[in-house]
Amino acid sequence: MIKLEIKFIFKTVNNRDWWNNRVDTDADEHSHLKRSRFVPYFGLTYDLNENNSLYLSYTSIFNTK
């Protein structure tokens, strides 16, 4: 008799980062606060077996103008 066991384990990570940047400029001799920027992050792992797993992630990169 052959016993077959299939096991799926999914783990998710959801991380949200808020960035507040203070910029000091010598030319203007004053500071200003840039607006906050939401940067989403999502990660997923899939266990293939006891020793191996796959990892997939997505993030959005903030591009300055």
PDB file of N, CA and C in Angstrom:
ATOM      1  N   MET A   1       0.833  -1.177   0.000  1.00  0.00           N
ATOM      2  CA  MET A   1       0.000   0.000   0.000  1.00  0.00           C
ATOM      3  C   MET A   1       0.881   1.245   0.000  1.00  0.00           C
ATOM      4  N   ILE A   2       0.544   2.179  -0.853  1.00  0.00           N
ATOM      5  CA  ILE A   2       1.294   3.428  -0.966  1.00  0.00           C
ATOM      6  C   ILE A   2       0.457   4.558  -0.381  1.00  0.00           C
ATOM      7  N   LYS A   3       1.073   5.296   0.520  1.00  0.00           N
ATOM      8  CA  LYS A   3       0.373   6.430   1.122  1.00  0.00           C
ATOM      9  C   LYS A   3       0.923   7.714   0.513  1.00  0.00           C
ATOM     10  N   LEU A   4       0.051   8.517  -0.019  1.00  0.00           N
ATOM     11  CA  LEU A   4       0.445   9.771  -0.655  1.00  0.00           C
ATOM     12  C   LEU A   4      -0.148  10.926   0.137  1.00  0.00           C
ATOM     13  N   GLU A   5       0.714  11.839   0.525  1.00  0.00           N
ATOM     14  CA  GLU A   5       0.244  13.006   1.270  1.00  0.00           C
ATOM     15  C   GLU A   5       0.704  14.265   0.555  1.00  0.00           C
ATOM     16  N   ILE A   6      -0.231  15.100   0.218  1.00  0.00           N
ATOM     17  CA  ILE A   6       0.082  16.374  -0.423  1.00  0.00           C
ATOM     18  C   ILE A   6      -0.262  17.478   0.567  1.00  0.00           C
ATOM     19  N   LYS A   7       0.701  18.340   0.814  1.00  0.00           N
ATOM     20  CA  LYS A   7       0.508  19.391   1.802  1.00  0.00           C
ATOM     21  C   LYS A   7       0.868  20.732   1.181  1.00  0.00           C
ATOM     22  N   PHE A   8      -0.025  21.663   1.223  1.00  0.00           N
ATOM     23  CA  PHE A   8       0.215  23.001   0.710  1.00  0.00           C
ATOM     24  C   PHE A   8       0.235  23.975   1.885  1.00  0.00           C
ATOM     25  N   ILE A   9       1.287  24.732   1.969  1.00  0.00           N
ATOM     26  CA  ILE A   9       1.398  25.741   3.019  1.00  0.00           C
ATOM     27  C   ILE A   9       1.652  27.083   2.347  1.00  0.00           C
ATOM     28  N   PHE A  10       0.781  28.027   2.590  1.00  0.00           N
ATOM     29  CA  PHE A  10       0.940  29.363   2.037  1.00  0.00           C
ATOM     30  C   PHE A  10       1.089  30.358   3.183  1.00  0.00           C
ATOM     31  N   LYS A  11       2.045  31.234   3.044  1.00  0.00           N
ATOM     32  CA  LYS A  11       2.240  32.298   4.020  1.00  0.00           C
ATOM     33  C   LYS A  11       2.259  33.617   3.261  1.00  0.00           C
ATOM     34  N   THR A  12       1.642  34.615   3.798  1.00  0.00           N
ATOM     35  CA  THR A  12       1.655  35.919   3.142  1.00  0.00           C
ATOM     36  C   THR A  12       2.180  36.976   4.101  1.00  0.00           C
ATOM     37  N   VAL A  13       2.806  37.956   3.523  1.00  0.00           N
ATOM     38  CA  VAL A  13       3.305  39.102   4.273  1.00  0.00           C
ATOM     39  C   VAL A  13       2.805  40.343   3.558  1.00  0.00           C
ATOM     40  N   ASN A  14       2.230  41.237   4.288  1.00  0.00           N
ATOM     41  CA  ASN A  14       1.779  42.490   3.702  1.00  0.00           C
ATOM     42  C   ASN A  14       2.387  43.614   4.525  1.00  0.00           C
ATOM     43  N   ASN A  15       3.182  44.442   3.888  1.00  0.00           N
ATOM     44  CA  ASN A  15       3.890  45.507   4.579  1.00  0.00           C
ATOM     45  C   ASN A  15       3.623  46.822   3.877  1.00  0.00           C
ATOM     46  N   ARG A  16       3.278  47.835   4.643  1.00  0.00           N
ATOM     47  CA  ARG A  16       3.060  49.158   4.072  1.00  0.00           C
ATOM     48  C   ARG A  16       4.019  50.127   4.739  1.00  0.00           C
ATOM     49  N   ASP A  17       4.783  50.833   3.949  1.00  0.00           N
ATOM     50  CA  ASP A  17       5.736  51.803   4.473  1.00  0.00           C
ATOM     51  C   ASP A  17       5.323  53.209   4.094  1.00  0.00           C
ATOM     52  N   TRP A  18       5.412  54.101   5.037  1.00  0.00           N
ATOM     53  CA  TRP A  18       5.148  55.512   4.784  1.00  0.00           C
ATOM     54  C   TRP A  18       6.473  56.250   4.915  1.00  0.00           C
ATOM     55  N   TRP A  19       6.759  57.086   3.956  1.00  0.00           N
ATOM     56  CA  TRP A  19       8.025  57.811   3.937  1.00  0.00           C
ATOM     57  C   TRP A  19       7.767  59.302   4.138  1.00  0.00           C
ATOM     58  N   ASN A  20       8.410  59.878   5.127  1.00  0.00           N
ATOM     59  CA  ASN A  20       8.396  61.318   5.325  1.00  0.00           C
ATOM     60  C   ASN A  20       9.830  61.798   5.150  1.00  0.00           C
ATOM     61  N   ASN A  21      10.043  62.621   4.180  1.00  0.00           N
ATOM     62  CA  ASN A  21      11.396  63.090   3.885  1.00  0.00           C
ATOM     63  C   ASN A  21      11.509  64.577   4.175  1.00  0.00           C
ATOM     64  N   ARG A  22      12.477  64.940   4.987  1.00  0.00           N
ATOM     65  CA  ARG A  22      12.761  66.350   5.220  1.00  0.00           C
ATOM     66  C   ARG A  22      13.983  66.706   4.380  1.00  0.00           C
ATOM     67  N   VAL A  23      13.852  67.759   3.610  1.00  0.00           N
ATOM     68  CA  VAL A  23      14.915  68.174   2.702  1.00  0.00           C
ATOM     69  C   VAL A  23      15.428  69.533   3.143  1.00  0.00           C
ATOM     70  N   ASP A  24      16.726  69.628   3.372  1.00  0.00           N
ATOM     71  CA  ASP A  24      17.361  70.901   3.704  1.00  0.00           C
ATOM     72  C   ASP A  24      18.139  71.381   2.495  1.00  0.00           C
ATOM     73  N   THR A  25      17.867  72.593   2.084  1.00  0.00           N
ATOM     74  CA  THR A  25      18.591  73.159   0.946  1.00  0.00           C
ATOM     75  C   THR A  25      19.313  74.417   1.388  1.00  0.00           C
ATOM     76  N   ASP A  26      20.595  74.488   1.094  1.00  0.00           N
ATOM     77  CA  ASP A  26      21.382  75.666   1.450  1.00  0.00           C
ATOM     78  C   ASP A  26      21.041  76.851   0.560  1.00  0.00           C
ATOM     79  N   ALA A  27      20.663  76.595  -0.684  1.00  0.00           N
ATOM     80  CA  ALA A  27      20.376  77.677  -1.626  1.00  0.00           C
ATOM     81  C   ALA A  27      19.180  78.509  -1.168  1.00  0.00           C
ATOM     82  N   ASP A  28      18.145  77.853  -0.688  1.00  0.00           N
ATOM     83  CA  ASP A  28      16.946  78.575  -0.257  1.00  0.00           C
ATOM     84  C   ASP A  28      16.983  78.954   1.219  1.00  0.00           C
ATOM     85  N   GLU A  29      17.916  78.379   1.954  1.00  0.00           N
ATOM     86  CA  GLU A  29      18.078  78.600   3.390  1.00  0.00           C
ATOM     87  C   GLU A  29      16.803  78.309   4.180  1.00  0.00           C
ATOM     88  N   HIS A  30      16.077  77.286   3.779  1.00  0.00           N
ATOM     89  CA  HIS A  30      14.913  76.846   4.537  1.00  0.00           C
ATOM     90  C   HIS A  30      14.678  75.355   4.300  1.00  0.00           C
ATOM     91  N   SER A  31      13.858  74.784   5.143  1.00  0.00           N
ATOM     92  CA  SER A  31      13.521  73.362   5.027  1.00  0.00           C
ATOM     93  C   SER A  31      12.062  73.222   4.631  1.00  0.00           C
ATOM     94  N   HIS A  32      11.769  72.156   3.946  1.00  0.00           N
ATOM     95  CA  HIS A  32      10.375  71.834   3.663  1.00  0.00           C
ATOM     96  C   HIS A  32      10.180  70.332   3.772  1.00  0.00           C
ATOM     97  N   LEU A  33       8.972  69.948   4.075  1.00  0.00           N
ATOM     98  CA  LEU A  33       8.641  68.535   4.253  1.00  0.00           C
ATOM     99  C   LEU A  33       7.921  68.038   3.014  1.00  0.00           C
ATOM    100  N   LYS A  34       8.483  67.012   2.375  1.00  0.00           N
ATOM    101  CA  LYS A  34       7.829  66.415   1.210  1.00  0.00           C
ATOM    102  C   LYS A  34       6.615  65.615   1.665  1.00  0.00           C
ATOM    103  N   ARG A  35       5.687  65.437   0.761  1.00  0.00           N
ATOM    104  CA  ARG A  35       4.476  64.676   1.070  1.00  0.00           C
ATOM    105  C   ARG A  35       4.813  63.209   1.321  1.00  0.00           C
ATOM    106  N   SER A  36       4.018  62.569   2.164  1.00  0.00           N
ATOM    107  CA  SER A  36       4.199  61.143   2.453  1.00  0.00           C
ATOM    108  C   SER A  36       3.892  60.330   1.206  1.00  0.00           C
ATOM    109  N   ARG A  37       4.570  59.207   1.082  1.00  0.00           N
ATOM    110  CA  ARG A  37       4.392  58.333  -0.080  1.00  0.00           C
ATOM    111  C   ARG A  37       4.141  56.921   0.416  1.00  0.00           C
ATOM    112  N   PHE A  38       3.052  56.304  -0.031  1.00  0.00           N
ATOM    113  CA  PHE A  38       2.713  54.926   0.307  1.00  0.00           C
ATOM    114  C   PHE A  38       3.470  53.986  -0.622  1.00  0.00           C
ATOM    115  N   VAL A  39       4.211  53.020  -0.056  1.00  0.00           N
ATOM    116  CA  VAL A  39       4.977  52.054  -0.846  1.00  0.00           C
ATOM    117  C   VAL A  39       4.465  50.656  -0.496  1.00  0.00           C
ATOM    118  N   PRO A  40       3.637  50.046  -1.373  1.00  0.00           N
ATOM    119  CA  PRO A  40       3.094  48.719  -1.057  1.00  0.00           C
ATOM    120  C   PRO A  40       4.138  47.613  -1.231  1.00  0.00           C
ATOM    121  N   TYR A  41       4.013  46.576  -0.424  1.00  0.00           N
ATOM    122  CA  TYR A  41       4.881  45.408  -0.520  1.00  0.00           C
ATOM    123  C   TYR A  41       4.031  44.169  -0.247  1.00  0.00           C
ATOM    124  N   PHE A  42       4.225  43.131  -1.051  1.00  0.00           N
ATOM    125  CA  PHE A  42       3.511  41.875  -0.864  1.00  0.00           C
ATOM    126  C   PHE A  42       4.486  40.734  -1.094  1.00  0.00           C
ATOM    127  N   GLY A  43       4.512  39.755  -0.208  1.00  0.00           N
ATOM    128  CA  GLY A  43       5.383  38.593  -0.365  1.00  0.00           C
ATOM    129  C   GLY A  43       4.605  37.307  -0.161  1.00  0.00           C
ATOM    130  N   LEU A  44       4.973  36.254  -0.871  1.00  0.00           N
ATOM    131  CA  LEU A  44       4.299  34.963  -0.792  1.00  0.00           C
ATOM    132  C   LEU A  44       5.353  33.863  -0.826  1.00  0.00           C
ATOM    133  N   THR A  45       5.260  32.910   0.092  1.00  0.00           N
ATOM    134  CA  THR A  45       6.141  31.744   0.058  1.00  0.00           C
ATOM    135  C   THR A  45       5.301  30.489  -0.138  1.00  0.00           C
ATOM    136  N   TYR A  46       5.869  29.537  -0.860  1.00  0.00           N
ATOM    137  CA  TYR A  46       5.215  28.250  -1.102  1.00  0.00           C
ATOM    138  C   TYR A  46       6.218  27.147  -0.765  1.00  0.00           C
ATOM    139  N   ASP A  47       5.882  26.302   0.208  1.00  0.00           N
ATOM    140  CA  ASP A  47       6.771  25.214   0.612  1.00  0.00           C
ATOM    141  C   ASP A  47       6.649  24.050  -0.364  1.00  0.00           C
ATOM    142  N   LEU A  48       7.751  23.756  -1.080  1.00  0.00           N
ATOM    143  CA  LEU A  48       7.769  22.616  -1.995  1.00  0.00           C
ATOM    144  C   LEU A  48       7.891  21.303  -1.234  1.00  0.00           C
ATOM    145  N   ASN A  49       8.796  21.298  -0.262  1.00  0.00           N
ATOM    146  CA  ASN A  49       8.989  20.148   0.604  1.00  0.00           C
ATOM    147  C   ASN A  49       9.604  20.649   1.908  1.00  0.00           C
ATOM    148  N   GLU A  50      10.112  19.751   2.723  1.00  0.00           N
ATOM    149  CA  GLU A  50      10.655  20.135   4.028  1.00  0.00           C
ATOM    150  C   GLU A  50      11.865  21.064   3.918  1.00  0.00           C
ATOM    151  N   ASN A  51      12.633  20.950   2.841  1.00  0.00           N
ATOM    152  CA  ASN A  51      13.872  21.717   2.714  1.00  0.00           C
ATOM    153  C   ASN A  51      13.834  22.841   1.687  1.00  0.00           C
ATOM    154  N   ASN A  52      12.832  22.886   0.838  1.00  0.00           N
ATOM    155  CA  ASN A  52      12.807  23.868  -0.249  1.00  0.00           C
ATOM    156  C   ASN A  52      11.479  24.616  -0.296  1.00  0.00           C
ATOM    157  N   SER A  53      11.585  25.900  -0.641  1.00  0.00           N
ATOM    158  CA  SER A  53      10.378  26.708  -0.813  1.00  0.00           C
ATOM    159  C   SER A  53      10.612  27.738  -1.907  1.00  0.00           C
ATOM    160  N   LEU A  54       9.516  28.238  -2.446  1.00  0.00           N
ATOM    161  CA  LEU A  54       9.575  29.294  -3.456  1.00  0.00           C
ATOM    162  C   LEU A  54       9.132  30.597  -2.809  1.00  0.00           C
ATOM    163  N   TYR A  55       9.716  31.706  -3.245  1.00  0.00           N
ATOM    164  CA  TYR A  55       9.361  33.019  -2.702  1.00  0.00           C
ATOM    165  C   TYR A  55       9.064  33.968  -3.850  1.00  0.00           C
ATOM    166  N   LEU A  56       7.968  34.689  -3.755  1.00  0.00           N
ATOM    167  CA  LEU A  56       7.563  35.654  -4.764  1.00  0.00           C
ATOM    168  C   LEU A  56       7.202  36.941  -4.040  1.00  0.00           C
ATOM    169  N   SER A  57       7.660  38.081  -4.570  1.00  0.00           N
ATOM    170  CA  SER A  57       7.313  39.345  -3.931  1.00  0.00           C
ATOM    171  C   SER A  57       7.057  40.418  -4.976  1.00  0.00           C
ATOM    172  N   TYR A  58       6.317  41.429  -4.549  1.00  0.00           N
ATOM    173  CA  TYR A  58       6.017  42.573  -5.401  1.00  0.00           C
ATOM    174  C   TYR A  58       6.149  43.835  -4.561  1.00  0.00           C
ATOM    175  N   THR A  59       6.741  44.853  -5.135  1.00  0.00           N
ATOM    176  CA  THR A  59       6.786  46.158  -4.492  1.00  0.00           C
ATOM    177  C   THR A  59       6.752  47.239  -5.551  1.00  0.00           C
ATOM    178  N   SER A  60       6.285  48.380  -5.160  1.00  0.00           N
ATOM    179  CA  SER A  60       6.258  49.534  -6.051  1.00  0.00           C
ATOM    180  C   SER A  60       7.416  50.442  -5.659  1.00  0.00           C
ATOM    181  N   ILE A  61       8.146  50.919  -6.623  1.00  0.00           N
ATOM    182  CA  ILE A  61       9.303  51.769  -6.351  1.00  0.00           C
ATOM    183  C   ILE A  61       8.921  53.215  -6.601  1.00  0.00           C
ATOM    184  N   PHE A  62       9.278  54.066  -5.659  1.00  0.00           N
ATOM    185  CA  PHE A  62       8.986  55.491  -5.771  1.00  0.00           C
ATOM    186  C   PHE A  62      10.008  56.140  -6.695  1.00  0.00           C
ATOM    187  N   ASN A  63       9.533  56.783  -7.749  1.00  0.00           N
ATOM    188  CA  ASN A  63      10.405  57.499  -8.685  1.00  0.00           C
ATOM    189  C   ASN A  63      10.244  58.997  -8.474  1.00  0.00           C
ATOM    190  N   THR A  64      11.325  59.660  -8.117  1.00  0.00           N
ATOM    191  CA  THR A  64      11.260  61.106  -7.914  1.00  0.00           C
ATOM    192  C   THR A  64      11.250  61.828  -9.242  1.00  0.00           C
ATOM    193  N   LYS A  65      10.721  63.022  -9.242  1.00  0.00           N
ATOM    194  CA  LYS A  65      10.648  63.814 -10.474  1.00  0.00           C
ATOM    195  C   LYS A  65      11.809  64.759 -10.567  1.00  0.00           C
TER     196      LYS A  65
END
